[in-house]
């Protein structure tokens, strides 16, 4: 696979794509791999976050039939999925996302599988920040 592909990668539809890229850089230490402008918006961008890839583009409602999705703002602020981000320290990542402008959906807490919190980014997408428990040695 090339540096910009993985086996599966979410493709986010947002409003204010350039602002979304700046937020993901601040909140999740995203590395911008590519950006293409279209009609004075972000037509496509690829970001690497913690080793994984996400793609995003500004919402183009006039092309919804060809694109297949819309931004959460078009859905009244709702989204149909959570992006799970597995990290080394859920609390640190959670706090950084909040400082960058995310809203807490669920504060970090201990769960049977590890530490987990959820944030909603300023563009409507929900991110689960998870640090898995280290398996006990037998």
C-alpha atoms as a PDB file:
ATOM      1  CA  UNK A   1       0.000   0.000   0.000  1.00  0.00           C
ATOM      2  CA  UNK A   2       1.121   3.539  -0.609  1.00  0.00           C
ATOM      3  CA  UNK A   3       1.635   6.092   2.157  1.00  0.00           C
ATOM      4  CA  UNK A   4      -1.898   7.426   1.650  1.00  0.00           C
ATOM      5  CA  UNK A   5      -3.864   4.169   1.718  1.00  0.00           C
ATOM      6  CA  UNK A   6      -4.870   1.724   4.389  1.00  0.00           C
ATOM      7  CA  UNK A   7      -7.166  -1.269   4.344  1.00  0.00           C
ATOM      8  CA  UNK A   8     -10.098   0.905   5.473  1.00  0.00           C
ATOM      9  CA  UNK A   9     -10.340   4.641   6.045  1.00  0.00           C
ATOM     10  CA  UNK A  10     -13.263   6.906   6.935  1.00  0.00           C
ATOM     11  CA  UNK A  11     -14.147   9.675   4.500  1.00  0.00           C
ATOM     12  CA  UNK A  12     -15.614  12.628   6.384  1.00  0.00           C
ATOM     13  CA  UNK A  13     -17.917  15.213   4.918  1.00  0.00           C
ATOM     14  CA  UNK A  14     -17.555  18.565   6.678  1.00  0.00           C
ATOM     15  CA  UNK A  15     -18.383  22.206   6.304  1.00  0.00           C
ATOM     16  CA  UNK A  16     -15.391  24.587   6.498  1.00  0.00           C
ATOM     17  CA  UNK A  17     -12.878  21.965   5.379  1.00  0.00           C
ATOM     18  CA  UNK A  18      -9.779  24.101   5.848  1.00  0.00           C
ATOM     19  CA  UNK A  19     -10.847  24.791   9.447  1.00  0.00           C
ATOM     20  CA  UNK A  20     -11.460  21.068   9.966  1.00  0.00           C
ATOM     21  CA  UNK A  21      -7.924  20.256   8.820  1.00  0.00           C
ATOM     22  CA  UNK A  22      -6.508  22.870  11.199  1.00  0.00           C
ATOM     23  CA  UNK A  23      -8.615  21.425  14.048  1.00  0.00           C
ATOM     24  CA  UNK A  24      -7.476  17.839  13.394  1.00  0.00           C
ATOM     25  CA  UNK A  25      -3.874  19.017  13.386  1.00  0.00           C
ATOM     26  CA  UNK A  26      -4.328  20.742  16.759  1.00  0.00           C
ATOM     27  CA  UNK A  27      -6.569  18.116  18.396  1.00  0.00           C
ATOM     28  CA  UNK A  28      -5.119  14.873  17.059  1.00  0.00           C
ATOM     29  CA  UNK A  29      -1.640  15.848  15.774  1.00  0.00           C
ATOM     30  CA  UNK A  30      -2.815  15.090  12.224  1.00  0.00           C
ATOM     31  CA  UNK A  31      -0.279  15.131   9.429  1.00  0.00           C
ATOM     32  CA  UNK A  32      -1.657  16.534   6.182  1.00  0.00           C
ATOM     33  CA  UNK A  33      -0.626  14.249   3.325  1.00  0.00           C
ATOM     34  CA  UNK A  34      -2.559  15.868   0.495  1.00  0.00           C
ATOM     35  CA  UNK A  35      -5.079  18.623  -0.147  1.00  0.00           C
ATOM     36  CA  UNK A  36      -6.952  19.507  -3.304  1.00  0.00           C
ATOM     37  CA  UNK A  37      -9.154  22.551  -3.669  1.00  0.00           C
ATOM     38  CA  UNK A  38     -12.355  22.517  -5.710  1.00  0.00           C
ATOM     39  CA  UNK A  39     -14.723  25.461  -6.164  1.00  0.00           C
ATOM     40  CA  UNK A  40     -12.908  27.387  -3.383  1.00  0.00           C
ATOM     41  CA  UNK A  41     -13.479  24.522  -0.916  1.00  0.00           C
ATOM     42  CA  UNK A  42     -11.600  21.393   0.062  1.00  0.00           C
ATOM     43  CA  UNK A  43     -12.406  18.904  -2.687  1.00  0.00           C
ATOM     44  CA  UNK A  44     -10.299  16.211  -1.028  1.00  0.00           C
ATOM     45  CA  UNK A  45      -7.718  15.931   1.750  1.00  0.00           C
ATOM     46  CA  UNK A  46      -5.887  12.987   3.270  1.00  0.00           C
ATOM     47  CA  UNK A  47      -4.643  13.123   6.863  1.00  0.00           C
ATOM     48  CA  UNK A  48      -2.613  10.683   8.918  1.00  0.00           C
ATOM     49  CA  UNK A  49      -3.643  10.494  12.575  1.00  0.00           C
ATOM     50  CA  UNK A  50      -1.729   8.246  14.954  1.00  0.00           C
ATOM     51  CA  UNK A  51      -0.690   5.993  12.072  1.00  0.00           C
ATOM     52  CA  UNK A  52      -4.157   5.755  10.511  1.00  0.00           C
ATOM     53  CA  UNK A  53      -5.637   7.544   7.523  1.00  0.00           C
ATOM     54  CA  UNK A  54      -8.767   9.662   7.240  1.00  0.00           C
ATOM     55  CA  UNK A  55      -9.994  11.485   4.187  1.00  0.00           C
ATOM     56  CA  UNK A  56     -12.234  14.502   4.168  1.00  0.00           C
ATOM     57  CA  UNK A  57     -13.877  16.959   1.850  1.00  0.00           C
ATOM     58  CA  UNK A  58     -16.140  19.917   2.162  1.00  0.00           C
ATOM     59  CA  UNK A  59     -19.803  19.090   1.770  1.00  0.00           C
ATOM     60  CA  UNK A  60     -21.122  19.541  -1.753  1.00  0.00           C
ATOM     61  CA  UNK A  61     -24.913  19.090  -1.310  1.00  0.00           C
ATOM     62  CA  UNK A  62     -25.492  19.617  -5.020  1.00  0.00           C
ATOM     63  CA  UNK A  63     -23.461  16.433  -5.667  1.00  0.00           C
ATOM     64  CA  UNK A  64     -24.906  14.296  -2.855  1.00  0.00           C
ATOM     65  CA  UNK A  65     -26.247  11.712  -5.340  1.00  0.00           C
ATOM     66  CA  UNK A  66     -22.694  11.059  -6.581  1.00  0.00           C
ATOM     67  CA  UNK A  67     -20.853  11.537  -3.265  1.00  0.00           C
ATOM     68  CA  UNK A  68     -23.231   9.620  -1.016  1.00  0.00           C
ATOM     69  CA  UNK A  69     -22.873  11.581   2.220  1.00  0.00           C
ATOM     70  CA  UNK A  70     -23.400  14.957   3.831  1.00  0.00           C
ATOM     71  CA  UNK A  71     -21.894  16.792   6.785  1.00  0.00           C
ATOM     72  CA  UNK A  72     -23.362  16.249  10.253  1.00  0.00           C
ATOM     73  CA  UNK A  73     -24.637  19.846  10.222  1.00  0.00           C
ATOM     74  CA  UNK A  74     -26.961  18.866   7.370  1.00  0.00           C
ATOM     75  CA  UNK A  75     -28.258  16.036   9.580  1.00  0.00           C
ATOM     76  CA  UNK A  76     -29.128  18.445  12.382  1.00  0.00           C
ATOM     77  CA  UNK A  77     -25.787  17.848  14.130  1.00  0.00           C
ATOM     78  CA  UNK A  78     -26.184  14.060  14.178  1.00  0.00           C
ATOM     79  CA  UNK A  79     -23.775  11.527  12.766  1.00  0.00           C
ATOM     80  CA  UNK A  80     -24.170   7.876  11.879  1.00  0.00           C
ATOM     81  CA  UNK A  81     -20.868   6.591  13.246  1.00  0.00           C
ATOM     82  CA  UNK A  82     -18.097   7.073  15.785  1.00  0.00           C
ATOM     83  CA  UNK A  83     -14.463   7.142  14.719  1.00  0.00           C
ATOM     84  CA  UNK A  84     -12.496   5.002  17.176  1.00  0.00           C
ATOM     85  CA  UNK A  85      -8.974   6.315  17.748  1.00  0.00           C
ATOM     86  CA  UNK A  86      -6.766   3.902  19.686  1.00  0.00           C
ATOM     87  CA  UNK A  87      -4.064   5.868  21.483  1.00  0.00           C
ATOM     88  CA  UNK A  88      -1.354   5.488  24.106  1.00  0.00           C
ATOM     89  CA  UNK A  89      -3.072   7.781  26.642  1.00  0.00           C
ATOM     90  CA  UNK A  90      -6.798   8.444  26.191  1.00  0.00           C
ATOM     91  CA  UNK A  91      -6.851  11.193  28.820  1.00  0.00           C
ATOM     92  CA  UNK A  92      -4.069  13.182  27.144  1.00  0.00           C
ATOM     93  CA  UNK A  93      -5.674  12.879  23.720  1.00  0.00           C
ATOM     94  CA  UNK A  94      -9.091  13.751  25.190  1.00  0.00           C
ATOM     95  CA  UNK A  95      -7.749  16.847  26.957  1.00  0.00           C
ATOM     96  CA  UNK A  96      -5.912  18.012  23.808  1.00  0.00           C
ATOM     97  CA  UNK A  97      -9.090  17.617  21.730  1.00  0.00           C
ATOM     98  CA  UNK A  98     -11.120  19.605  24.287  1.00  0.00           C
ATOM     99  CA  UNK A  99      -8.462  22.355  24.356  1.00  0.00           C
ATOM    100  CA  UNK A 100      -8.612  22.523  20.540  1.00  0.00           C
ATOM    101  CA  UNK A 101     -12.385  23.050  20.585  1.00  0.00           C
ATOM    102  CA  UNK A 102     -14.053  19.614  20.790  1.00  0.00           C
ATOM    103  CA  UNK A 103     -16.996  19.040  23.132  1.00  0.00           C
ATOM    104  CA  UNK A 104     -17.126  16.186  25.600  1.00  0.00           C
ATOM    105  CA  UNK A 105     -19.705  13.536  24.763  1.00  0.00           C
ATOM    106  CA  UNK A 106     -18.432  11.263  27.514  1.00  0.00           C
ATOM    107  CA  UNK A 107     -15.532  11.994  29.838  1.00  0.00           C
ATOM    108  CA  UNK A 108     -12.740   9.427  30.003  1.00  0.00           C
ATOM    109  CA  UNK A 109     -13.483   6.545  32.330  1.00  0.00           C
ATOM    110  CA  UNK A 110     -12.169   3.102  33.122  1.00  0.00           C
ATOM    111  CA  UNK A 111     -13.941   0.338  31.212  1.00  0.00           C
ATOM    112  CA  UNK A 112     -13.430  -3.426  31.241  1.00  0.00           C
ATOM    113  CA  UNK A 113     -11.324  -3.111  28.055  1.00  0.00           C
ATOM    114  CA  UNK A 114      -9.313  -0.008  29.051  1.00  0.00           C
ATOM    115  CA  UNK A 115      -9.754   3.757  29.242  1.00  0.00           C
ATOM    116  CA  UNK A 116     -12.330   5.444  26.969  1.00  0.00           C
ATOM    117  CA  UNK A 117     -13.745   8.901  26.348  1.00  0.00           C
ATOM    118  CA  UNK A 118     -15.721  10.474  23.492  1.00  0.00           C
ATOM    119  CA  UNK A 119     -15.612  13.932  21.961  1.00  0.00           C
ATOM    120  CA  UNK A 120     -17.603  15.659  19.240  1.00  0.00           C
ATOM    121  CA  UNK A 121     -15.425  17.758  16.991  1.00  0.00           C
ATOM    122  CA  UNK A 122     -16.595  21.252  15.917  1.00  0.00           C
ATOM    123  CA  UNK A 123     -17.739  19.744  12.590  1.00  0.00           C
ATOM    124  CA  UNK A 124     -20.114  17.212  14.158  1.00  0.00           C
ATOM    125  CA  UNK A 125     -18.078  14.004  14.029  1.00  0.00           C
ATOM    126  CA  UNK A 126     -17.751  11.868  17.158  1.00  0.00           C
ATOM    127  CA  UNK A 127     -14.391  10.399  18.144  1.00  0.00           C
ATOM    128  CA  UNK A 128     -13.867   7.628  20.666  1.00  0.00           C
ATOM    129  CA  UNK A 129     -10.450   7.919  22.313  1.00  0.00           C
ATOM    130  CA  UNK A 130      -9.408   4.537  23.654  1.00  0.00           C
ATOM    131  CA  UNK A 131      -6.406   3.123  25.453  1.00  0.00           C
ATOM    132  CA  UNK A 132      -6.736  -0.633  25.654  1.00  0.00           C
ATOM    133  CA  UNK A 133      -5.675  -2.517  28.757  1.00  0.00           C
ATOM    134  CA  UNK A 134      -2.406  -4.337  28.495  1.00  0.00           C
ATOM    135  CA  UNK A 135      -3.150  -8.060  28.680  1.00  0.00           C
ATOM    136  CA  UNK A 136      -2.061  -9.627  31.968  1.00  0.00           C
ATOM    137  CA  UNK A 137       0.850 -12.010  31.729  1.00  0.00           C
ATOM    138  CA  UNK A 138      -0.041 -15.625  32.480  1.00  0.00           C
END
